[in-house]
Amino acid sequence: MHVTPLGHVDLSSQISVAVARKTLDAAERQGDALVGLIRAAGEVGTSGRAAIAERPGPGETGRRLDLRA
């Protein structure tokens, strides 16, 4: 940062700081979103019925397939 003799920060430094702050804020939001996705992915196997089941539940796709061949 460049400080003038009067103690004021020049305009280009103020702009640089503002741009850096916006960049850091955006990175923080992306990081928070990524953490949320990772947590949600970790909970997929624990919600509802088991991730892999021998037979589909009622109303699920595959319930009415004839698998006898």
PDB file of N, CA and C in Angstrom:
ATOM      1  N   MET A   1       0.829  -1.165   0.000  1.00  0.00           N
ATOM      2  CA  MET A   1       0.000   0.000   0.000  1.00  0.00           C
ATOM      3  C   MET A   1       0.876   1.230   0.000  1.00  0.00           C
ATOM      4  N   HIS A   2       0.440   2.216  -0.701  1.00  0.00           N
ATOM      5  CA  HIS A   2       1.157   3.487  -0.742  1.00  0.00           C
ATOM      6  C   HIS A   2       0.422   4.478   0.132  1.00  0.00           C
ATOM      7  N   VAL A   3       1.143   5.062   1.059  1.00  0.00           N
ATOM      8  CA  VAL A   3       0.535   6.057   1.943  1.00  0.00           C
ATOM      9  C   VAL A   3       1.119   7.418   1.587  1.00  0.00           C
ATOM     10  N   THR A   4       0.231   8.346   1.379  1.00  0.00           N
ATOM     11  CA  THR A   4       0.674   9.701   1.068  1.00  0.00           C
ATOM     12  C   THR A   4       1.137  10.381   2.348  1.00  0.00           C
ATOM     13  N   PRO A   5       1.845  11.470   2.222  1.00  0.00           N
ATOM     14  CA  PRO A   5       2.302  12.166   3.433  1.00  0.00           C
ATOM     15  C   PRO A   5       1.161  12.567   4.361  1.00  0.00           C
ATOM     16  N   LEU A   6      -0.029  12.703   3.832  1.00  0.00           N
ATOM     17  CA  LEU A   6      -1.162  13.088   4.663  1.00  0.00           C
ATOM     18  C   LEU A   6      -1.787  11.897   5.388  1.00  0.00           C
ATOM     19  N   GLY A   7      -1.275  10.703   5.125  1.00  0.00           N
ATOM     20  CA  GLY A   7      -1.793   9.528   5.801  1.00  0.00           C
ATOM     21  C   GLY A   7      -2.947   8.861   5.080  1.00  0.00           C
ATOM     22  N   HIS A   8      -3.272   9.301   3.885  1.00  0.00           N
ATOM     23  CA  HIS A   8      -4.367   8.715   3.124  1.00  0.00           C
ATOM     24  C   HIS A   8      -3.824   7.611   2.217  1.00  0.00           C
ATOM     25  N   VAL A   9      -4.564   6.550   2.120  1.00  0.00           N
ATOM     26  CA  VAL A   9      -4.197   5.471   1.216  1.00  0.00           C
ATOM     27  C   VAL A   9      -4.664   5.863  -0.179  1.00  0.00           C
ATOM     28  N   ASP A  10      -3.806   5.678  -1.175  1.00  0.00           N
ATOM     29  CA  ASP A  10      -4.200   6.104  -2.515  1.00  0.00           C
ATOM     30  C   ASP A  10      -5.288   5.196  -3.086  1.00  0.00           C
ATOM     31  N   LEU A  11      -5.967   5.692  -4.092  1.00  0.00           N
ATOM     32  CA  LEU A  11      -7.133   5.016  -4.661  1.00  0.00           C
ATOM     33  C   LEU A  11      -6.792   3.655  -5.234  1.00  0.00           C
ATOM     34  N   SER A  12      -5.662   3.512  -5.900  1.00  0.00           N
ATOM     35  CA  SER A  12      -5.316   2.208  -6.494  1.00  0.00           C
ATOM     36  C   SER A  12      -5.113   1.151  -5.422  1.00  0.00           C
ATOM     37  N   SER A  13      -4.571   1.530  -4.271  1.00  0.00           N
ATOM     38  CA  SER A  13      -4.418   0.576  -3.171  1.00  0.00           C
ATOM     39  C   SER A  13      -5.771   0.183  -2.598  1.00  0.00           C
ATOM     40  N   GLN A  14      -6.672   1.141  -2.485  1.00  0.00           N
ATOM     41  CA  GLN A  14      -8.018   0.835  -1.992  1.00  0.00           C
ATOM     42  C   GLN A  14      -8.722  -0.134  -2.926  1.00  0.00           C
ATOM     43  N   ILE A  15      -8.556   0.082  -4.218  1.00  0.00           N
ATOM     44  CA  ILE A  15      -9.180  -0.811  -5.203  1.00  0.00           C
ATOM     45  C   ILE A  15      -8.565  -2.201  -5.111  1.00  0.00           C
ATOM     46  N   SER A  16      -7.252  -2.269  -4.972  1.00  0.00           N
ATOM     47  CA  SER A  16      -6.578  -3.573  -4.861  1.00  0.00           C
ATOM     48  C   SER A  16      -7.071  -4.354  -3.642  1.00  0.00           C
ATOM     49  N   VAL A  17      -7.224  -3.671  -2.534  1.00  0.00           N
ATOM     50  CA  VAL A  17      -7.709  -4.322  -1.314  1.00  0.00           C
ATOM     51  C   VAL A  17      -9.146  -4.792  -1.500  1.00  0.00           C
ATOM     52  N   ALA A  18      -9.975  -3.978  -2.135  1.00  0.00           N
ATOM     53  CA  ALA A  18     -11.376  -4.359  -2.358  1.00  0.00           C
ATOM     54  C   ALA A  18     -11.478  -5.572  -3.276  1.00  0.00           C
ATOM     55  N   VAL A  19     -10.673  -5.606  -4.318  1.00  0.00           N
ATOM     56  CA  VAL A  19     -10.682  -6.749  -5.248  1.00  0.00           C
ATOM     57  C   VAL A  19     -10.192  -8.007  -4.533  1.00  0.00           C
ATOM     58  N   ALA A  20      -9.140  -7.884  -3.754  1.00  0.00           N
ATOM     59  CA  ALA A  20      -8.624  -9.036  -3.008  1.00  0.00           C
ATOM     60  C   ALA A  20      -9.670  -9.556  -2.029  1.00  0.00           C
ATOM     61  N   ARG A  21     -10.389  -8.661  -1.356  1.00  0.00           N
ATOM     62  CA  ARG A  21     -11.424  -9.074  -0.400  1.00  0.00           C
ATOM     63  C   ARG A  21     -12.551  -9.822  -1.093  1.00  0.00           C
ATOM     64  N   LYS A  22     -12.968  -9.316  -2.260  1.00  0.00           N
ATOM     65  CA  LYS A  22     -14.026 -10.000  -3.016  1.00  0.00           C
ATOM     66  C   LYS A  22     -13.555 -11.378  -3.467  1.00  0.00           C
ATOM     67  N   THR A  23     -12.307 -11.487  -3.889  1.00  0.00           N
ATOM     68  CA  THR A  23     -11.753 -12.763  -4.330  1.00  0.00           C
ATOM     69  C   THR A  23     -11.718 -13.756  -3.170  1.00  0.00           C
ATOM     70  N   LEU A  24     -11.274 -13.297  -2.020  1.00  0.00           N
ATOM     71  CA  LEU A  24     -11.229 -14.171  -0.843  1.00  0.00           C
ATOM     72  C   LEU A  24     -12.628 -14.577  -0.389  1.00  0.00           C
ATOM     73  N   ASP A  25     -13.580 -13.654  -0.444  1.00  0.00           N
ATOM     74  CA  ASP A  25     -14.966 -13.977  -0.078  1.00  0.00           C
ATOM     75  C   ASP A  25     -15.542 -15.049  -1.006  1.00  0.00           C
ATOM     76  N   ALA A  26     -15.267 -14.916  -2.302  1.00  0.00           N
ATOM     77  CA  ALA A  26     -15.765 -15.907  -3.265  1.00  0.00           C
ATOM     78  C   ALA A  26     -15.136 -17.269  -3.007  1.00  0.00           C
ATOM     79  N   ALA A  27     -13.846 -17.292  -2.715  1.00  0.00           N
ATOM     80  CA  ALA A  27     -13.175 -18.565  -2.424  1.00  0.00           C
ATOM     81  C   ALA A  27     -13.736 -19.200  -1.153  1.00  0.00           C
ATOM     82  N   GLU A  28     -14.044 -18.387  -0.170  1.00  0.00           N
ATOM     83  CA  GLU A  28     -14.621 -18.908   1.069  1.00  0.00           C
ATOM     84  C   GLU A  28     -16.000 -19.519   0.823  1.00  0.00           C
ATOM     85  N   ARG A  29     -16.818 -18.845   0.017  1.00  0.00           N
ATOM     86  CA  ARG A  29     -18.143 -19.389  -0.309  1.00  0.00           C
ATOM     87  C   ARG A  29     -18.023 -20.702  -1.070  1.00  0.00           C
ATOM     88  N   GLN A  30     -17.078 -20.783  -1.999  1.00  0.00           N
ATOM     89  CA  GLN A  30     -16.876 -22.028  -2.747  1.00  0.00           C
ATOM     90  C   GLN A  30     -16.425 -23.142  -1.811  1.00  0.00           C
ATOM     91  N   GLY A  31     -15.551 -22.824  -0.882  1.00  0.00           N
ATOM     92  CA  GLY A  31     -15.093 -23.817   0.088  1.00  0.00           C
ATOM     93  C   GLY A  31     -16.230 -24.314   0.959  1.00  0.00           C
ATOM     94  N   ASP A  32     -17.081 -23.397   1.415  1.00  0.00           N
ATOM     95  CA  ASP A  32     -18.236 -23.790   2.222  1.00  0.00           C
ATOM     96  C   ASP A  32     -19.180 -24.689   1.430  1.00  0.00           C
ATOM     97  N   ALA A  33     -19.383 -24.360   0.152  1.00  0.00           N
ATOM     98  CA  ALA A  33     -20.252 -25.175  -0.691  1.00  0.00           C
ATOM     99  C   ALA A  33     -19.654 -26.569  -0.884  1.00  0.00           C
ATOM    100  N   LEU A  34     -18.350 -26.639  -1.063  1.00  0.00           N
ATOM    101  CA  LEU A  34     -17.695 -27.933  -1.251  1.00  0.00           C
ATOM    102  C   LEU A  34     -17.800 -28.790   0.006  1.00  0.00           C
ATOM    103  N   VAL A  35     -17.626 -28.178   1.159  1.00  0.00           N
ATOM    104  CA  VAL A  35     -17.778 -28.919   2.418  1.00  0.00           C
ATOM    105  C   VAL A  35     -19.197 -29.454   2.544  1.00  0.00           C
ATOM    106  N   GLY A  36     -20.186 -28.653   2.164  1.00  0.00           N
ATOM    107  CA  GLY A  36     -21.575 -29.109   2.201  1.00  0.00           C
ATOM    108  C   GLY A  36     -21.814 -30.291   1.276  1.00  0.00           C
ATOM    109  N   LEU A  37     -21.227 -30.250   0.073  1.00  0.00           N
ATOM    110  CA  LEU A  37     -21.374 -31.371  -0.859  1.00  0.00           C
ATOM    111  C   LEU A  37     -20.725 -32.640  -0.316  1.00  0.00           C
ATOM    112  N   ILE A  38     -19.567 -32.500   0.287  1.00  0.00           N
ATOM    113  CA  ILE A  38     -18.876 -33.666   0.855  1.00  0.00           C
ATOM    114  C   ILE A  38     -19.692 -34.266   1.988  1.00  0.00           C
ATOM    115  N   ARG A  39     -20.248 -33.411   2.840  1.00  0.00           N
ATOM    116  CA  ARG A  39     -21.081 -33.929   3.945  1.00  0.00           C
ATOM    117  C   ARG A  39     -22.329 -34.622   3.411  1.00  0.00           C
ATOM    118  N   ALA A  40     -22.959 -34.029   2.396  1.00  0.00           N
ATOM    119  CA  ALA A  40     -24.154 -34.639   1.813  1.00  0.00           C
ATOM    120  C   ALA A  40     -23.817 -35.980   1.170  1.00  0.00           C
ATOM    121  N   ALA A  41     -22.680 -36.063   0.513  1.00  0.00           N
ATOM    122  CA  ALA A  41     -22.270 -37.327  -0.108  1.00  0.00           C
ATOM    123  C   ALA A  41     -22.018 -38.397   0.946  1.00  0.00           C
ATOM    124  N   GLY A  42     -21.509 -37.998   2.092  1.00  0.00           N
ATOM    125  CA  GLY A  42     -21.273 -38.950   3.168  1.00  0.00           C
ATOM    126  C   GLY A  42     -22.545 -39.477   3.787  1.00  0.00           C
ATOM    127  N   GLU A  43     -23.638 -38.732   3.655  1.00  0.00           N
ATOM    128  CA  GLU A  43     -24.908 -39.144   4.242  1.00  0.00           C
ATOM    129  C   GLU A  43     -25.784 -39.947   3.286  1.00  0.00           C
ATOM    130  N   VAL A  44     -25.389 -40.070   2.045  1.00  0.00           N
ATOM    131  CA  VAL A  44     -26.216 -40.757   1.046  1.00  0.00           C
ATOM    132  C   VAL A  44     -26.487 -42.195   1.453  1.00  0.00           C
ATOM    133  N   GLY A  45     -25.469 -42.903   1.872  1.00  0.00           N
ATOM    134  CA  GLY A  45     -25.642 -44.304   2.224  1.00  0.00           C
ATOM    135  C   GLY A  45     -26.386 -44.534   3.518  1.00  0.00           C
ATOM    136  N   THR A  46     -26.550 -43.502   4.322  1.00  0.00           N
ATOM    137  CA  THR A  46     -27.200 -43.680   5.622  1.00  0.00           C
ATOM    138  C   THR A  46     -28.673 -43.294   5.615  1.00  0.00           C
ATOM    139  N   SER A  47     -29.145 -42.690   4.535  1.00  0.00           N
ATOM    140  CA  SER A  47     -30.545 -42.281   4.508  1.00  0.00           C
ATOM    141  C   SER A  47     -31.396 -43.325   3.796  1.00  0.00           C
ATOM    142  N   GLY A  48     -32.609 -43.482   4.250  1.00  0.00           N
ATOM    143  CA  GLY A  48     -33.523 -44.434   3.619  1.00  0.00           C
ATOM    144  C   GLY A  48     -33.088 -45.874   3.848  1.00  0.00           C
ATOM    145  N   ARG A  49     -33.388 -46.710   2.876  1.00  0.00           N
ATOM    146  CA  ARG A  49     -32.989 -48.113   3.020  1.00  0.00           C
ATOM    147  C   ARG A  49     -31.535 -48.278   2.654  1.00  0.00           C
ATOM    148  N   ALA A  50     -31.025 -49.457   2.767  1.00  0.00           N
ATOM    149  CA  ALA A  50     -29.615 -49.729   2.491  1.00  0.00           C
ATOM    150  C   ALA A  50     -29.266 -49.334   1.056  1.00  0.00           C
ATOM    151  N   ALA A  51     -28.035 -48.979   0.854  1.00  0.00           N
ATOM    152  CA  ALA A  51     -27.593 -48.547  -0.470  1.00  0.00           C
ATOM    153  C   ALA A  51     -27.744 -49.671  -1.492  1.00  0.00           C
ATOM    154  N   ILE A  52     -27.507 -50.896  -1.072  1.00  0.00           N
ATOM    155  CA  ILE A  52     -27.665 -52.051  -1.968  1.00  0.00           C
ATOM    156  C   ILE A  52     -28.613 -53.031  -1.284  1.00  0.00           C
ATOM    157  N   ALA A  53     -29.702 -53.332  -1.944  1.00  0.00           N
ATOM    158  CA  ALA A  53     -30.686 -54.244  -1.377  1.00  0.00           C
ATOM    159  C   ALA A  53     -30.944 -55.378  -2.356  1.00  0.00           C
ATOM    160  N   GLU A  54     -31.355 -56.490  -1.821  1.00  0.00           N
ATOM    161  CA  GLU A  54     -31.624 -57.656  -2.656  1.00  0.00           C
ATOM    162  C   GLU A  54     -32.777 -57.398  -3.609  1.00  0.00           C
ATOM    163  N   ARG A  55     -33.814 -56.733  -3.140  1.00  0.00           N
ATOM    164  CA  ARG A  55     -34.996 -56.459  -3.954  1.00  0.00           C
ATOM    165  C   ARG A  55     -35.385 -54.988  -3.826  1.00  0.00           C
ATOM    166  N   PRO A  56     -35.947 -54.423  -4.890  1.00  0.00           N
ATOM    167  CA  PRO A  56     -36.387 -53.026  -4.795  1.00  0.00           C
ATOM    168  C   PRO A  56     -37.595 -52.891  -3.879  1.00  0.00           C
ATOM    169  N   GLY A  57     -37.719 -51.738  -3.268  1.00  0.00           N
ATOM    170  CA  GLY A  57     -38.853 -51.469  -2.401  1.00  0.00           C
ATOM    171  C   GLY A  57     -40.103 -51.221  -3.223  1.00  0.00           C
ATOM    172  N   PRO A  58     -41.266 -51.193  -2.572  1.00  0.00           N
ATOM    173  CA  PRO A  58     -42.513 -50.944  -3.296  1.00  0.00           C
ATOM    174  C   PRO A  58     -42.490 -49.563  -3.957  1.00  0.00           C
ATOM    175  N   GLY A  59     -42.881 -49.516  -5.193  1.00  0.00           N
ATOM    176  CA  GLY A  59     -42.929 -48.269  -5.925  1.00  0.00           C
ATOM    177  C   GLY A  59     -41.623 -47.871  -6.583  1.00  0.00           C
ATOM    178  N   GLU A  60     -40.555 -48.614  -6.352  1.00  0.00           N
ATOM    179  CA  GLU A  60     -39.276 -48.285  -6.974  1.00  0.00           C
ATOM    180  C   GLU A  60     -39.182 -48.911  -8.359  1.00  0.00           C
ATOM    181  N   THR A  61     -38.371 -48.306  -9.197  1.00  0.00           N
ATOM    182  CA  THR A  61     -38.149 -48.844 -10.538  1.00  0.00           C
ATOM    183  C   THR A  61     -37.608 -50.260 -10.431  1.00  0.00           C
ATOM    184  N   GLY A  62     -38.090 -51.124 -11.264  1.00  0.00           N
ATOM    185  CA  GLY A  62     -37.635 -52.511 -11.244  1.00  0.00           C
ATOM    186  C   GLY A  62     -38.550 -53.429 -10.469  1.00  0.00           C
ATOM    187  N   ARG A  63     -39.539 -52.876  -9.826  1.00  0.00           N
ATOM    188  CA  ARG A  63     -40.454 -53.684  -9.018  1.00  0.00           C
ATOM    189  C   ARG A  63     -41.264 -54.627  -9.898  1.00  0.00           C
ATOM    190  N   ARG A  64     -41.559 -54.238 -11.132  1.00  0.00           N
ATOM    191  CA  ARG A  64     -42.435 -55.040 -11.982  1.00  0.00           C
ATOM    192  C   ARG A  64     -41.698 -55.710 -13.129  1.00  0.00           C
ATOM    193  N   LEU A  65     -40.387 -55.776 -13.073  1.00  0.00           N
ATOM    194  CA  LEU A  65     -39.643 -56.440 -14.135  1.00  0.00           C
ATOM    195  C   LEU A  65     -39.719 -57.957 -13.981  1.00  0.00           C
ATOM    196  N   ASP A  66     -39.884 -58.647 -15.067  1.00  0.00           N
ATOM    197  CA  ASP A  66     -39.867 -60.117 -15.046  1.00  0.00           C
ATOM    198  C   ASP A  66     -38.433 -60.548 -15.294  1.00  0.00           C
ATOM    199  N   LEU A  67     -37.799 -61.050 -14.251  1.00  0.00           N
ATOM    200  CA  LEU A  67     -36.385 -61.425 -14.343  1.00  0.00           C
ATOM    201  C   LEU A  67     -36.198 -62.904 -14.649  1.00  0.00           C
ATOM    202  N   ARG A  68     -37.303 -63.627 -14.913  1.00  0.00           N
ATOM    203  CA  ARG A  68     -37.175 -65.055 -15.257  1.00  0.00           C
ATOM    204  C   ARG A  68     -36.871 -65.158 -16.735  1.00  0.00           C
ATOM    205  N   ALA A  69     -35.795 -65.800 -17.053  1.00  0.00           N
ATOM    206  CA  ALA A  69     -35.456 -65.943 -18.484  1.00  0.00           C
ATOM    207  C   ALA A  69     -35.149 -67.370 -18.806  1.00  0.00           C
TER     208      ALA A  69
END
